[in-house]
């Protein structure tokens, strides 16, 4: 049973679309395989070439498309998009824009995605094809298929299709440019609720048409794409990333509800963020060594899905309740979730078996880093309270939770101490020359000494209390998906992860690639394949290929409950 709190790191938002599956190997079945794509600019393969819009929403001019196609196609990349690689892996042709297709040209699917599109109808209204309009286009296509292929075959294609959807980034980016005061009149939570409400309506609409298999992509590191980085220091936008996190939590919740409410509804969720992109790898390694499956988040588990444990960890969480209060699951709430789980297990398995599981389970806990990083950004705090007293507050809350777990029945504890977070990039920025932060490392040392002391005391006070303690270095933290590429570009074959290949201004973060927004002068790198970002908000082709591979055959750590390859073969195919 795992409780931990990795530091928040964030991942690029990527918008994706949909797959249809083959159930047999015959020629007719291969013809029925199709990929349907919904979304915005990361999926738009040329939709906006066929609507009345401005150059800001098109990529039909150089240097877009020149790496692979040798000419611009409407794709916001130097080459292919993620959906192009997904089509390739599924042995499909490149999927054309729906608006480009003629009546008798259905081959492999349709792409409804439109650059700038959102779930809300008023997001760039009049310049894009919004998500609800994309649904109407699917309905039109379904009628055409019935007319051309007959009702039975059309019904089969629609039912066996996988609807791959990612939307929302435009909604969350737009207020920062056009309406900075928006969140003074509406809370972020309510705004996200509006977006999720429209997405839910469209999902139900596809279900009514006959769709049953959905591949949803969460929003990732929105605040870290070049266009969102403040020009003064180039750091990530915390507010944008907060919106992305709220969106992903709400999206996963509604998907679980729809799966329970709608018969036959299946989904695959590819999430760059979820409970944080930085993950301490102790839990997964221990699970592997203990011959256990990867331990799922507690909030993801269904009543009858207890296998090997539960993960209550929440990115940004602290031992102190007011550490990022309202945006995380703090340590005391994680304890309450354990208490809820214990009651569920008793109901499902009986008292004796539950008591044994709780008693013999190992309680792996890492907490405290967020409690210490937050006040270090507010140096005045330690003028009113000593570091020692502050550490005492953190350790006091940890002690209460340890005793709470003991009262539930837990006896075996594996504690992970706070590492030298003063040498992490977030710690180095606290210094003038980029060296390690001495204050941060000092408070980490105070924490570890106090933690060791309290564990020893509990071992003498509580009968059967057993503990192991591990010290973690920053080098033992690993990052997933896009965040890894931003943090360690060389590891993935890139040389630049902060700046875009094409654009102007600091980090080439201005959207002027190819002469957009009336600005004729812009910079273009010589080797786009060395960049994570091609323009201010879109990935390079090389990055797109890597993301597509993760989606196609990635593990549960990046795509769940199944990857697209597995989804393609689902239902006994």
Protein backbone atom coordinates (compact mmCIF):
# COMPACT_ATOMS: atom_id res chain seq x y z
CA UNK A 1 0.00 0.00 0.00
CA UNK A 2 1.67 3.13 -1.25
CA UNK A 3 1.58 6.71 -0.09
CA UNK A 4 3.97 9.16 -1.69
CA UNK A 5 4.22 12.67 -3.05
CA UNK A 6 6.38 13.29 -6.12
CA UNK A 7 7.03 16.91 -7.08
CA UNK A 8 4.82 18.23 -9.88
CA UNK A 9 6.37 18.13 -13.32
CA UNK A 10 4.28 18.53 -16.39
CA UNK A 11 3.91 17.25 -19.86
CA UNK A 12 3.02 18.63 -23.25
CA UNK A 13 -0.61 18.45 -24.24
CA UNK A 14 -1.23 16.14 -27.20
CA UNK A 15 -4.51 15.72 -28.99
CA UNK A 16 -5.43 12.37 -30.55
CA UNK A 17 -8.26 10.48 -32.20
CA UNK A 18 -9.77 7.12 -33.01
CA UNK A 19 -9.29 3.58 -34.26
CA UNK A 20 -11.61 0.99 -35.75
CA UNK A 21 -10.77 -2.64 -35.17
CA UNK A 22 -10.59 -5.72 -37.35
CA UNK A 23 -12.13 -8.94 -36.09
CA UNK A 24 -10.91 -11.28 -38.84
CA UNK A 25 -8.05 -11.45 -41.29
CA UNK A 26 -10.16 -11.60 -44.48
CA UNK A 27 -10.25 -8.86 -47.13
CA UNK A 28 -13.65 -7.55 -46.11
CA UNK A 29 -12.58 -7.11 -42.48
CA UNK A 30 -9.45 -5.24 -43.53
CA UNK A 31 -11.66 -2.86 -45.49
CA UNK A 32 -13.74 -2.29 -42.36
CA UNK A 33 -10.76 -1.20 -40.25
CA UNK A 34 -11.00 2.55 -39.75
CA UNK A 35 -9.53 5.38 -37.71
CA UNK A 36 -11.70 8.34 -36.70
CA UNK A 37 -9.93 11.39 -35.36
CA UNK A 38 -11.34 14.20 -33.22
CA UNK A 39 -9.47 17.13 -31.75
CA UNK A 40 -7.59 20.32 -32.53
CA UNK A 41 -4.29 21.41 -34.11
CA UNK A 42 -2.24 18.45 -32.93
CA UNK A 43 -4.59 16.19 -34.92
CA UNK A 44 -5.65 18.49 -37.75
CA UNK A 45 -4.29 17.03 -41.00
CA UNK A 46 -5.85 19.74 -43.15
CA UNK A 47 -9.44 20.28 -42.03
CA UNK A 48 -8.94 24.03 -41.76
CA UNK A 49 -7.79 24.16 -45.39
CA UNK A 50 -11.44 23.58 -46.29
CA UNK A 51 -13.14 26.15 -44.06
CA UNK A 52 -13.23 29.94 -44.09
CA UNK A 53 -10.64 30.87 -41.48
CA UNK A 54 -7.45 32.87 -41.04
CA UNK A 55 -3.77 31.93 -41.40
CA UNK A 56 -3.51 31.66 -37.62
CA UNK A 57 -5.56 28.45 -37.80
CA UNK A 58 -3.86 26.94 -40.85
CA UNK A 59 -0.51 25.32 -41.54
CA UNK A 60 -0.74 25.24 -45.33
CA UNK A 61 2.47 27.17 -45.94
CA UNK A 62 6.21 26.44 -45.56
CA UNK A 63 8.04 25.31 -43.51
CA UNK A 64 5.21 23.09 -42.23
CA UNK A 65 5.26 19.58 -43.67
CA UNK A 66 8.62 19.85 -45.37
CA UNK A 67 10.47 17.10 -43.50
CA UNK A 68 8.26 14.22 -44.68
CA UNK A 69 5.76 15.43 -47.25
CA UNK A 70 8.12 17.97 -48.87
CA UNK A 71 5.20 20.41 -48.97
CA UNK A 72 2.70 21.86 -46.48
CA UNK A 73 -0.43 19.76 -45.93
CA UNK A 74 -2.18 21.58 -43.11
CA UNK A 75 -0.44 19.64 -40.35
CA UNK A 76 1.03 21.72 -37.52
CA UNK A 77 4.37 19.94 -37.60
CA UNK A 78 7.42 19.66 -39.81
CA UNK A 79 6.16 16.21 -40.83
CA UNK A 80 3.65 13.63 -39.65
CA UNK A 81 1.41 13.80 -36.60
CA UNK A 82 0.80 11.22 -33.90
CA UNK A 83 -2.37 10.06 -35.65
CA UNK A 84 -0.42 9.42 -38.86
CA UNK A 85 1.87 7.01 -37.03
CA UNK A 86 -1.10 5.34 -35.31
CA UNK A 87 -2.62 4.75 -38.74
CA UNK A 88 0.68 3.28 -39.92
CA UNK A 89 0.86 0.90 -36.96
CA UNK A 90 -2.72 -0.22 -37.70
CA UNK A 91 -1.82 -0.86 -41.36
CA UNK A 92 -4.06 1.98 -42.51
CA UNK A 93 -3.43 4.70 -45.06
CA UNK A 94 -3.01 8.30 -43.91
CA UNK A 95 -6.47 9.35 -42.76
CA UNK A 96 -7.79 12.33 -44.76
CA UNK A 97 -9.80 15.29 -43.46
CA UNK A 98 -13.52 14.52 -43.50
CA UNK A 99 -14.18 17.73 -45.43
CA UNK A 100 -11.82 16.55 -48.18
CA UNK A 101 -13.50 13.17 -48.68
CA UNK A 102 -15.83 12.46 -51.57
CA UNK A 103 -18.91 10.28 -51.12
CA UNK A 104 -17.25 7.08 -52.37
CA UNK A 105 -13.83 7.62 -50.81
CA UNK A 106 -14.17 6.03 -47.37
CA UNK A 107 -10.86 4.25 -46.79
CA UNK A 108 -9.54 3.80 -43.29
CA UNK A 109 -11.56 6.41 -41.45
CA UNK A 110 -12.04 10.16 -41.24
CA UNK A 111 -10.31 13.04 -39.49
CA UNK A 112 -12.64 15.67 -38.04
CA UNK A 113 -9.96 17.52 -36.03
CA UNK A 114 -9.71 21.28 -36.49
CA UNK A 115 -6.82 23.49 -35.34
CA UNK A 116 -7.99 25.77 -32.53
CA UNK A 117 -11.14 23.73 -31.87
CA UNK A 118 -12.50 23.37 -28.37
CA UNK A 119 -15.23 21.59 -26.47
CA UNK A 120 -16.88 24.97 -25.84
CA UNK A 121 -18.66 26.36 -28.89
CA UNK A 122 -17.37 29.89 -28.34
CA UNK A 123 -13.69 28.90 -28.39
CA UNK A 124 -12.47 30.66 -31.55
CA UNK A 125 -16.07 30.59 -32.75
CA UNK A 126 -16.41 31.14 -36.48
CA UNK A 127 -12.83 30.14 -37.22
CA UNK A 128 -12.80 26.42 -36.36
CA UNK A 129 -14.90 23.25 -36.34
CA UNK A 130 -15.75 22.80 -32.66
CA UNK A 131 -16.17 19.40 -31.01
CA UNK A 132 -19.98 19.33 -31.24
CA UNK A 133 -19.76 20.13 -34.95
CA UNK A 134 -17.24 17.31 -35.34
CA UNK A 135 -19.89 15.01 -33.81
CA UNK A 136 -22.44 16.25 -36.38
CA UNK A 137 -19.96 15.44 -39.14
CA UNK A 138 -19.66 11.90 -37.76
CA UNK A 139 -23.45 11.61 -37.85
CA UNK A 140 -23.40 12.77 -41.48
CA UNK A 141 -20.71 10.22 -42.31
CA UNK A 142 -22.69 7.42 -40.66
CA UNK A 143 -25.66 8.20 -42.92
CA UNK A 144 -23.41 8.21 -45.99
CA UNK A 145 -21.96 4.83 -45.00
CA UNK A 146 -25.45 3.36 -44.60
CA UNK A 147 -26.34 4.61 -48.07
CA UNK A 148 -23.13 3.32 -49.68
CA UNK A 149 -22.49 0.07 -47.78
CA UNK A 150 -25.82 -0.91 -46.33
CA UNK A 151 -27.11 -0.74 -42.78
CA UNK A 152 -25.43 -3.88 -41.41
CA UNK A 153 -21.90 -3.12 -42.55
CA UNK A 154 -22.16 0.55 -41.54
CA UNK A 155 -23.45 -0.50 -38.11
CA UNK A 156 -20.51 -2.88 -37.71
CA UNK A 157 -17.95 -0.21 -38.63
CA UNK A 158 -19.48 2.28 -36.21
CA UNK A 159 -19.73 -0.22 -33.36
CA UNK A 160 -16.25 -1.71 -33.73
CA UNK A 161 -14.61 1.63 -34.22
CA UNK A 162 -12.35 3.16 -31.61
CA UNK A 163 -13.04 6.87 -31.08
CA UNK A 164 -9.77 8.52 -30.16
CA UNK A 165 -10.39 11.97 -28.68
CA UNK A 166 -8.40 14.70 -26.98
CA UNK A 167 -9.72 18.22 -26.61
CA UNK A 168 -9.60 21.14 -24.21
CA UNK A 169 -6.17 22.71 -24.60
CA UNK A 170 -7.56 25.60 -26.65
CA UNK A 171 -10.11 26.39 -23.93
CA UNK A 172 -7.46 26.55 -21.26
CA UNK A 173 -4.86 28.47 -23.27
CA UNK A 174 -7.25 31.10 -24.68
CA UNK A 175 -8.02 32.96 -21.43
CA UNK A 176 -4.34 33.70 -20.86
CA UNK A 177 -4.19 35.61 -24.14
CA UNK A 178 -7.64 37.11 -24.63
CA UNK A 179 -9.27 37.31 -21.20
CA UNK A 180 -6.74 37.33 -18.32
CA UNK A 181 -9.43 38.36 -15.81
CA UNK A 182 -11.74 35.41 -16.61
CA UNK A 183 -10.90 33.54 -13.43
CA UNK A 184 -11.89 36.51 -11.32
CA UNK A 185 -15.51 35.93 -12.32
CA UNK A 186 -15.54 32.12 -12.53
CA UNK A 187 -13.51 29.56 -10.64
CA UNK A 188 -11.12 27.28 -12.48
CA UNK A 189 -13.13 24.31 -11.24
CA UNK A 190 -16.39 25.65 -12.69
CA UNK A 191 -14.72 26.49 -16.00
CA UNK A 192 -13.27 22.99 -16.26
CA UNK A 193 -16.73 21.66 -15.42
CA UNK A 194 -18.16 23.45 -18.46
CA UNK A 195 -15.51 21.90 -20.72
CA UNK A 196 -15.99 18.40 -19.30
CA UNK A 197 -19.76 18.80 -19.59
CA UNK A 198 -19.51 19.40 -23.34
CA UNK A 199 -17.05 16.53 -23.77
CA UNK A 200 -19.50 14.25 -21.93
CA UNK A 201 -22.31 15.32 -24.24
CA UNK A 202 -20.23 14.45 -27.29
CA UNK A 203 -19.18 11.08 -25.87
CA UNK A 204 -22.83 10.24 -25.29
CA UNK A 205 -23.60 11.46 -28.80
CA UNK A 206 -21.04 9.09 -30.32
CA UNK A 207 -22.48 6.31 -28.17
CA UNK A 208 -25.96 7.06 -29.55
CA UNK A 209 -24.60 6.86 -33.11
CA UNK A 210 -23.30 3.40 -32.20
CA UNK A 211 -19.73 3.94 -31.02
CA UNK A 212 -18.56 1.85 -28.08
CA UNK A 213 -14.76 2.08 -27.87
CA UNK A 214 -13.14 5.34 -26.82
CA UNK A 215 -9.48 6.29 -26.56
CA UNK A 216 -9.17 9.50 -24.54
CA UNK A 217 -6.04 11.58 -24.13
CA UNK A 218 -5.60 13.80 -21.11
CA UNK A 219 -4.04 17.25 -21.24
CA UNK A 220 -0.41 17.39 -20.24
CA UNK A 221 2.20 20.08 -19.81
CA UNK A 222 0.17 22.96 -21.27
CA UNK A 223 2.03 25.56 -19.26
CA UNK A 224 5.41 24.36 -20.52
CA UNK A 225 4.92 24.65 -24.29
CA UNK A 226 6.96 27.58 -25.67
CA UNK A 227 3.99 29.87 -26.28
CA UNK A 228 2.90 29.60 -22.64
CA UNK A 229 6.28 30.29 -21.07
CA UNK A 230 6.52 33.88 -19.69
CA UNK A 231 9.09 35.86 -21.66
CA UNK A 232 10.74 37.26 -18.54
CA UNK A 233 12.13 33.97 -17.23
CA UNK A 234 10.93 31.18 -19.50
CA UNK A 235 9.51 29.11 -16.64
CA UNK A 236 6.36 27.04 -17.00
CA UNK A 237 2.97 28.65 -16.37
CA UNK A 238 1.70 27.26 -13.08
CA UNK A 239 -1.89 28.41 -13.67
CA UNK A 240 -2.08 26.68 -17.05
CA UNK A 241 -0.73 23.49 -15.58
CA UNK A 242 -3.22 23.69 -12.72
CA UNK A 243 -6.07 23.84 -15.26
CA UNK A 244 -4.64 20.81 -17.05
CA UNK A 245 -4.53 18.84 -13.82
CA UNK A 246 -8.11 19.77 -12.89
CA UNK A 247 -9.21 18.75 -16.38
CA UNK A 248 -7.55 15.33 -16.20
CA UNK A 249 -9.01 14.52 -12.79
CA UNK A 250 -12.50 15.46 -14.00
CA UNK A 251 -12.06 13.56 -17.27
CA UNK A 252 -11.00 10.30 -15.62
CA UNK A 253 -13.93 10.60 -13.23
CA UNK A 254 -16.51 11.05 -15.99
CA UNK A 255 -15.05 8.20 -18.05
CA UNK A 256 -15.44 5.83 -15.10
CA UNK A 257 -19.04 7.00 -14.62
CA UNK A 258 -19.89 6.52 -18.30
CA UNK A 259 -18.41 3.02 -18.25
CA UNK A 260 -20.74 2.19 -15.36
CA UNK A 261 -23.80 3.88 -16.91
CA UNK A 262 -23.60 2.94 -20.60
CA UNK A 263 -23.68 -0.73 -21.54
CA UNK A 264 -20.71 -1.73 -23.69
CA UNK A 265 -18.87 1.56 -23.15
CA UNK A 266 -15.11 0.91 -23.12
CA UNK A 267 -12.28 3.37 -22.84
CA UNK A 268 -8.53 3.67 -22.92
CA UNK A 269 -7.05 6.71 -21.16
CA UNK A 270 -3.63 8.04 -22.15
CA UNK A 271 -2.57 10.51 -19.51
CA UNK A 272 0.55 12.63 -19.34
CA UNK A 273 -0.37 14.11 -16.00
CA UNK A 274 -2.82 12.17 -13.80
CA UNK A 275 -1.21 12.24 -10.35
CA UNK A 276 1.90 13.99 -11.63
CA UNK A 277 4.43 13.21 -14.32
CA UNK A 278 7.32 12.80 -11.94
CA UNK A 279 7.11 9.38 -10.35
CA UNK A 280 9.33 7.84 -7.70
CA UNK A 281 10.03 4.38 -9.00
CA UNK A 282 10.31 2.55 -5.70
CA UNK A 283 6.64 1.44 -5.72
CA UNK A 284 6.71 -0.11 -9.20
CA UNK A 285 10.09 -1.75 -8.59
CA UNK A 286 8.97 -3.20 -5.28
CA UNK A 287 5.80 -4.49 -6.90
CA UNK A 288 7.88 -6.21 -9.58
CA UNK A 289 10.29 -7.76 -7.07
CA UNK A 290 7.36 -8.89 -4.92
CA UNK A 291 5.73 -10.54 -7.96
CA UNK A 292 2.84 -8.09 -7.71
CA UNK A 293 1.12 -6.25 -10.53
CA UNK A 294 1.64 -2.51 -10.86
CA UNK A 295 -0.33 -0.99 -8.00
CA UNK A 296 -3.20 1.19 -9.30
CA UNK A 297 -4.39 4.53 -7.88
CA UNK A 298 -7.01 3.98 -5.21
CA UNK A 299 -9.40 6.38 -6.96
CA UNK A 300 -9.18 4.28 -10.13
CA UNK A 301 -10.06 1.01 -8.44
CA UNK A 302 -13.52 -0.49 -8.65
CA UNK A 303 -15.07 -2.30 -5.72
CA UNK A 304 -14.00 -5.75 -6.90
CA UNK A 305 -10.59 -4.86 -8.29
CA UNK A 306 -8.26 -5.23 -5.31
CA UNK A 307 -5.13 -6.95 -6.60
CA UNK A 308 -1.86 -6.49 -4.81
CA UNK A 309 -2.54 -3.22 -3.01
CA UNK A 310 -3.58 0.38 -3.58
CA UNK A 311 -1.79 3.65 -4.34
CA UNK A 312 -3.10 6.72 -2.50
CA UNK A 313 -0.25 9.02 -3.56
CA UNK A 314 -1.10 12.47 -4.92
CA UNK A 315 1.32 14.80 -6.69
CA UNK A 316 1.88 18.01 -4.76
CA UNK A 317 0.55 16.48 -1.56
CA UNK A 318 2.09 17.24 1.79
CA UNK A 319 1.91 16.12 5.38
CA UNK A 320 0.51 19.58 6.16
CA UNK A 321 -3.08 19.98 5.03
CA UNK A 322 -2.56 23.50 3.68
CA UNK A 323 0.19 22.42 1.28
CA UNK A 324 -1.51 23.06 -2.08
CA UNK A 325 -4.84 22.68 -0.29
CA UNK A 326 -7.75 22.08 -2.64
CA UNK A 327 -5.60 20.73 -5.47
CA UNK A 328 -4.20 17.51 -3.99
CA UNK A 329 -5.05 14.60 -1.72
CA UNK A 330 -3.13 15.38 1.46
CA UNK A 331 -1.61 12.67 3.64
CA UNK A 332 -4.42 12.63 6.22
CA UNK A 333 -7.01 12.23 3.46
CA UNK A 334 -4.93 9.36 2.06
CA UNK A 335 -5.28 7.73 5.47
CA UNK A 336 -9.07 8.17 5.28
CA UNK A 337 -9.03 6.48 1.89
CA UNK A 338 -7.17 3.53 3.42
CA UNK A 339 -9.88 3.33 6.09
CA UNK A 340 -12.54 3.31 3.35
CA UNK A 341 -10.68 0.56 1.49
CA UNK A 342 -10.46 -1.56 4.65
CA UNK A 343 -14.25 -1.36 5.05
CA UNK A 344 -14.78 -2.34 1.39
CA UNK A 345 -12.44 -5.31 1.73
CA UNK A 346 -14.28 -6.52 4.83
CA UNK A 347 -17.55 -6.37 2.91
CA UNK A 348 -16.13 -8.22 -0.12
CA UNK A 349 -13.70 -10.71 1.48
CA UNK A 350 -14.81 -11.07 5.05
CA UNK A 351 -13.25 -9.87 8.27
CA UNK A 352 -10.53 -12.54 8.67
CA UNK A 353 -9.03 -12.29 5.18
CA UNK A 354 -9.14 -8.48 5.30
CA UNK A 355 -7.42 -8.40 8.68
CA UNK A 356 -4.63 -10.59 7.30
CA UNK A 357 -4.16 -8.44 4.18
CA UNK A 358 -4.03 -5.24 6.22
CA UNK A 359 -1.66 -6.69 8.77
CA UNK A 360 0.76 -8.32 6.33
CA UNK A 361 0.74 -5.44 3.86
CA UNK A 362 3.72 -3.10 3.51
CA UNK A 363 2.97 0.62 3.82
CA UNK A 364 5.37 2.51 1.57
CA UNK A 365 5.41 6.24 2.28
CA UNK A 366 7.33 9.21 0.89
CA UNK A 367 6.15 12.67 1.95
CA UNK A 368 7.48 16.07 2.91
CA UNK A 369 9.21 17.54 -0.12
CA UNK A 370 6.23 19.70 -1.09
CA UNK A 371 5.86 20.93 2.47
CA UNK A 372 9.43 22.26 2.26
CA UNK A 373 9.59 23.59 -1.30
CA UNK A 374 6.56 25.82 -0.85
CA UNK A 375 7.94 27.91 2.07
CA UNK A 376 11.35 28.20 0.41
CA UNK A 377 9.60 30.28 -2.24
CA UNK A 378 8.42 32.49 0.65
CA UNK A 379 11.64 33.25 2.56
CA UNK A 380 9.79 35.42 5.07
CA UNK A 381 8.23 32.31 6.62
CA UNK A 382 11.40 31.34 8.43
CA UNK A 383 11.57 34.77 10.02
CA UNK A 384 8.47 33.91 12.05
CA UNK A 385 9.16 30.23 12.68
CA UNK A 386 12.41 28.29 12.90
CA UNK A 387 13.21 25.54 10.41
CA UNK A 388 13.31 23.09 13.31
CA UNK A 389 9.79 24.00 14.46
CA UNK A 390 8.45 23.84 10.91
CA UNK A 391 9.98 20.39 10.42
CA UNK A 392 8.40 19.44 13.75
CA UNK A 393 4.95 20.30 12.37
CA UNK A 394 5.54 18.11 9.30
CA UNK A 395 6.87 15.19 11.35
CA UNK A 396 3.96 15.58 13.79
CA UNK A 397 1.42 15.05 11.00
CA UNK A 398 3.38 12.10 9.61
CA UNK A 399 3.41 10.55 13.08
CA UNK A 400 -0.38 10.93 13.38
CA UNK A 401 -0.87 9.15 10.06
CA UNK A 402 1.51 6.33 10.98
CA UNK A 403 -0.45 5.79 14.20
CA UNK A 404 -3.67 5.91 12.17
CA UNK A 405 -2.45 3.17 9.84
CA UNK A 406 -1.41 1.16 12.88
CA UNK A 407 -4.94 1.50 14.31
CA UNK A 408 -6.41 0.23 11.03
CA UNK A 409 -4.16 -2.82 11.40
CA UNK A 410 -0.96 -1.98 9.51
CA UNK A 411 2.32 -3.14 11.01
CA UNK A 412 5.02 -2.95 8.31
CA UNK A 413 6.23 0.46 7.15
CA UNK A 414 8.76 1.41 4.47
CA UNK A 415 9.62 5.11 4.72
CA UNK A 416 11.45 7.12 2.07
CA UNK A 417 13.36 10.10 3.38
CA UNK A 418 13.51 13.51 1.67
CA UNK A 419 16.45 13.70 -0.71
CA UNK A 420 18.75 16.57 -1.61
CA UNK A 421 16.03 18.52 -3.35
CA UNK A 422 18.22 21.62 -3.14
CA UNK A 423 20.19 20.11 -6.02
CA UNK A 424 17.11 19.53 -8.16
CA UNK A 425 16.47 22.16 -10.87
CA UNK A 426 13.68 23.66 -8.77
CA UNK A 427 16.16 24.01 -5.93
CA UNK A 428 18.93 25.45 -8.05
CA UNK A 429 16.69 28.29 -9.24
CA UNK A 430 16.67 29.55 -5.66
CA UNK A 431 20.34 30.44 -6.03
CA UNK A 432 21.97 33.15 -8.12
CA UNK A 433 24.50 30.93 -9.85
CA UNK A 434 22.52 27.71 -10.30
CA UNK A 435 24.33 25.84 -7.54
CA UNK A 436 22.53 23.63 -5.04
CA UNK A 437 20.34 25.40 -2.50
CA UNK A 438 21.96 25.05 0.92
CA UNK A 439 18.74 26.01 2.74
CA UNK A 440 16.74 23.35 0.94
CA UNK A 441 19.28 20.65 1.67
CA UNK A 442 19.50 21.75 5.31
CA UNK A 443 15.75 21.37 5.82
CA UNK A 444 15.87 17.95 4.11
CA UNK A 445 18.57 16.86 6.55
CA UNK A 446 16.56 18.12 9.53
CA UNK A 447 13.54 16.19 8.26
CA UNK A 448 15.45 12.94 7.87
CA UNK A 449 16.99 13.13 11.32
CA UNK A 450 13.60 13.80 12.90
CA UNK A 451 11.93 11.06 10.87
CA UNK A 452 14.50 8.48 11.94
CA UNK A 453 14.00 9.49 15.57
CA UNK A 454 10.21 9.23 15.52
CA UNK A 455 10.26 5.86 13.76
CA UNK A 456 12.55 4.48 16.45
CA UNK A 457 10.19 5.79 19.14
CA UNK A 458 7.13 4.27 17.48
CA UNK A 459 8.88 0.92 17.25
CA UNK A 460 9.27 0.91 21.05
CA UNK A 461 5.79 2.30 21.78
CA UNK A 462 3.62 0.26 19.37
CA UNK A 463 3.69 -3.52 19.62
CA UNK A 464 4.53 -5.15 16.30
CA UNK A 465 5.47 -1.84 14.61
CA UNK A 466 8.21 -2.61 12.06
CA UNK A 467 9.87 -0.14 9.72
CA UNK A 468 12.51 0.27 7.05
CA UNK A 469 13.72 3.68 5.91
CA UNK A 470 15.26 4.62 2.59
CA UNK A 471 16.98 7.82 1.53
CA UNK A 472 16.28 8.93 -1.97
CA UNK A 473 18.49 11.08 -4.15
CA UNK A 474 17.11 13.33 -6.82
CA UNK A 475 18.77 11.09 -9.39
CA UNK A 476 16.39 8.31 -8.37
CA UNK A 477 13.37 10.22 -9.68
CA UNK A 478 12.25 9.41 -13.16
CA UNK A 479 9.87 11.22 -15.47
CA UNK A 480 7.34 9.91 -17.94
CA UNK A 481 6.44 10.69 -21.51
CA UNK A 482 6.90 14.32 -22.56
CA UNK A 483 8.28 15.42 -19.21
CA UNK A 484 11.22 13.05 -19.64
CA UNK A 485 11.93 14.55 -23.03
CA UNK A 486 11.84 18.06 -21.61
CA UNK A 487 14.07 17.14 -18.67
CA UNK A 488 16.41 14.75 -20.47
CA UNK A 489 16.26 15.53 -24.19
CA UNK A 490 19.57 13.80 -24.99
CA UNK A 491 18.24 10.52 -23.62
CA UNK A 492 15.58 10.52 -26.33
CA UNK A 493 17.72 11.82 -29.16
CA UNK A 494 16.88 15.53 -28.82
CA UNK A 495 19.18 18.46 -28.16
CA UNK A 496 16.66 21.20 -27.34
CA UNK A 497 13.55 20.95 -25.17
CA UNK A 498 12.83 24.50 -24.05
CA UNK A 499 12.91 26.41 -27.33
CA UNK A 500 10.85 25.71 -30.45
CA UNK A 501 12.44 25.03 -33.83
CA UNK A 502 10.32 27.64 -35.59
CA UNK A 503 9.11 31.02 -34.32
CA UNK A 504 10.45 34.26 -32.89
CA UNK A 505 11.25 35.92 -29.58
CA UNK A 506 12.62 34.25 -26.43
CA UNK A 507 12.46 30.46 -26.79
CA UNK A 508 10.91 31.10 -30.23
CA UNK A 509 7.69 31.20 -28.27
CA UNK A 510 5.91 33.72 -30.50
CA UNK A 511 3.52 32.09 -32.99
CA UNK A 512 5.17 33.54 -36.09
CA UNK A 513 6.36 30.33 -37.76
CA UNK A 514 5.97 30.65 -41.52
CA UNK A 515 4.94 34.30 -41.26
CA UNK A 516 1.88 33.88 -39.03
CA UNK A 517 0.21 36.89 -37.40
CA UNK A 518 1.57 39.20 -40.07
CA UNK A 519 5.17 38.88 -38.87
CA UNK A 520 7.40 38.04 -41.80
CA UNK A 521 10.60 37.54 -39.83
CA UNK A 522 10.99 34.33 -37.87
CA UNK A 523 13.73 31.87 -37.04
CA UNK A 524 13.81 28.30 -38.32
CA UNK A 525 16.25 25.70 -37.02
CA UNK A 526 18.25 23.57 -39.45
CA UNK A 527 17.49 20.25 -37.73
CA UNK A 528 13.86 19.94 -36.51
CA UNK A 529 14.52 16.35 -35.47
CA UNK A 530 16.71 17.67 -32.65
CA UNK A 531 13.84 19.67 -31.13
CA UNK A 532 10.98 18.43 -28.95
CA UNK A 533 8.81 21.33 -30.12
CA UNK A 534 8.51 22.33 -33.77
CA UNK A 535 6.64 25.59 -33.18
CA UNK A 536 5.44 27.41 -30.09
CA UNK A 537 2.85 24.82 -29.15
CA UNK A 538 3.31 21.72 -31.30
CA UNK A 539 5.61 18.74 -31.30
CA UNK A 540 8.16 17.86 -33.94
CA UNK A 541 7.61 14.79 -36.07
CA UNK A 542 10.24 12.85 -34.13
CA UNK A 543 8.49 13.56 -30.84
CA UNK A 544 5.14 12.66 -32.39
CA UNK A 545 6.52 9.27 -33.44
CA UNK A 546 7.72 8.55 -29.91
CA UNK A 547 4.36 9.51 -28.37
CA UNK A 548 2.54 7.41 -30.93
CA UNK A 549 4.66 4.39 -30.03
CA UNK A 550 3.79 4.85 -26.36
CA UNK A 551 0.10 5.05 -27.22
CA UNK A 552 0.23 2.09 -29.57
CA UNK A 553 1.99 -0.44 -27.36
CA UNK A 554 2.85 1.41 -24.14
CA UNK A 555 2.53 -0.08 -20.68
CA UNK A 556 -0.11 0.74 -18.09
CA UNK A 557 2.19 3.40 -16.69
CA UNK A 558 1.42 5.60 -19.70
CA UNK A 559 -1.84 4.30 -21.15
CA UNK A 560 -4.62 2.50 -19.35
CA UNK A 561 -6.56 0.30 -19.03
CA UNK A 562 -5.18 -0.92 -22.36
CA UNK A 563 -3.01 0.45 -25.14
CA UNK A 564 -4.33 0.99 -28.64
CA UNK A 565 -2.84 -2.21 -29.98
CA UNK A 566 -4.63 -4.17 -27.28
CA UNK A 567 -7.80 -2.20 -27.86
CA UNK A 568 -7.56 -3.06 -31.53
CA UNK A 569 -7.53 -6.76 -30.67
CA UNK A 570 -10.11 -6.56 -27.88
CA UNK A 571 -13.33 -8.59 -27.74
CA UNK A 572 -11.68 -11.88 -28.57
CA UNK A 573 -10.23 -10.79 -31.90
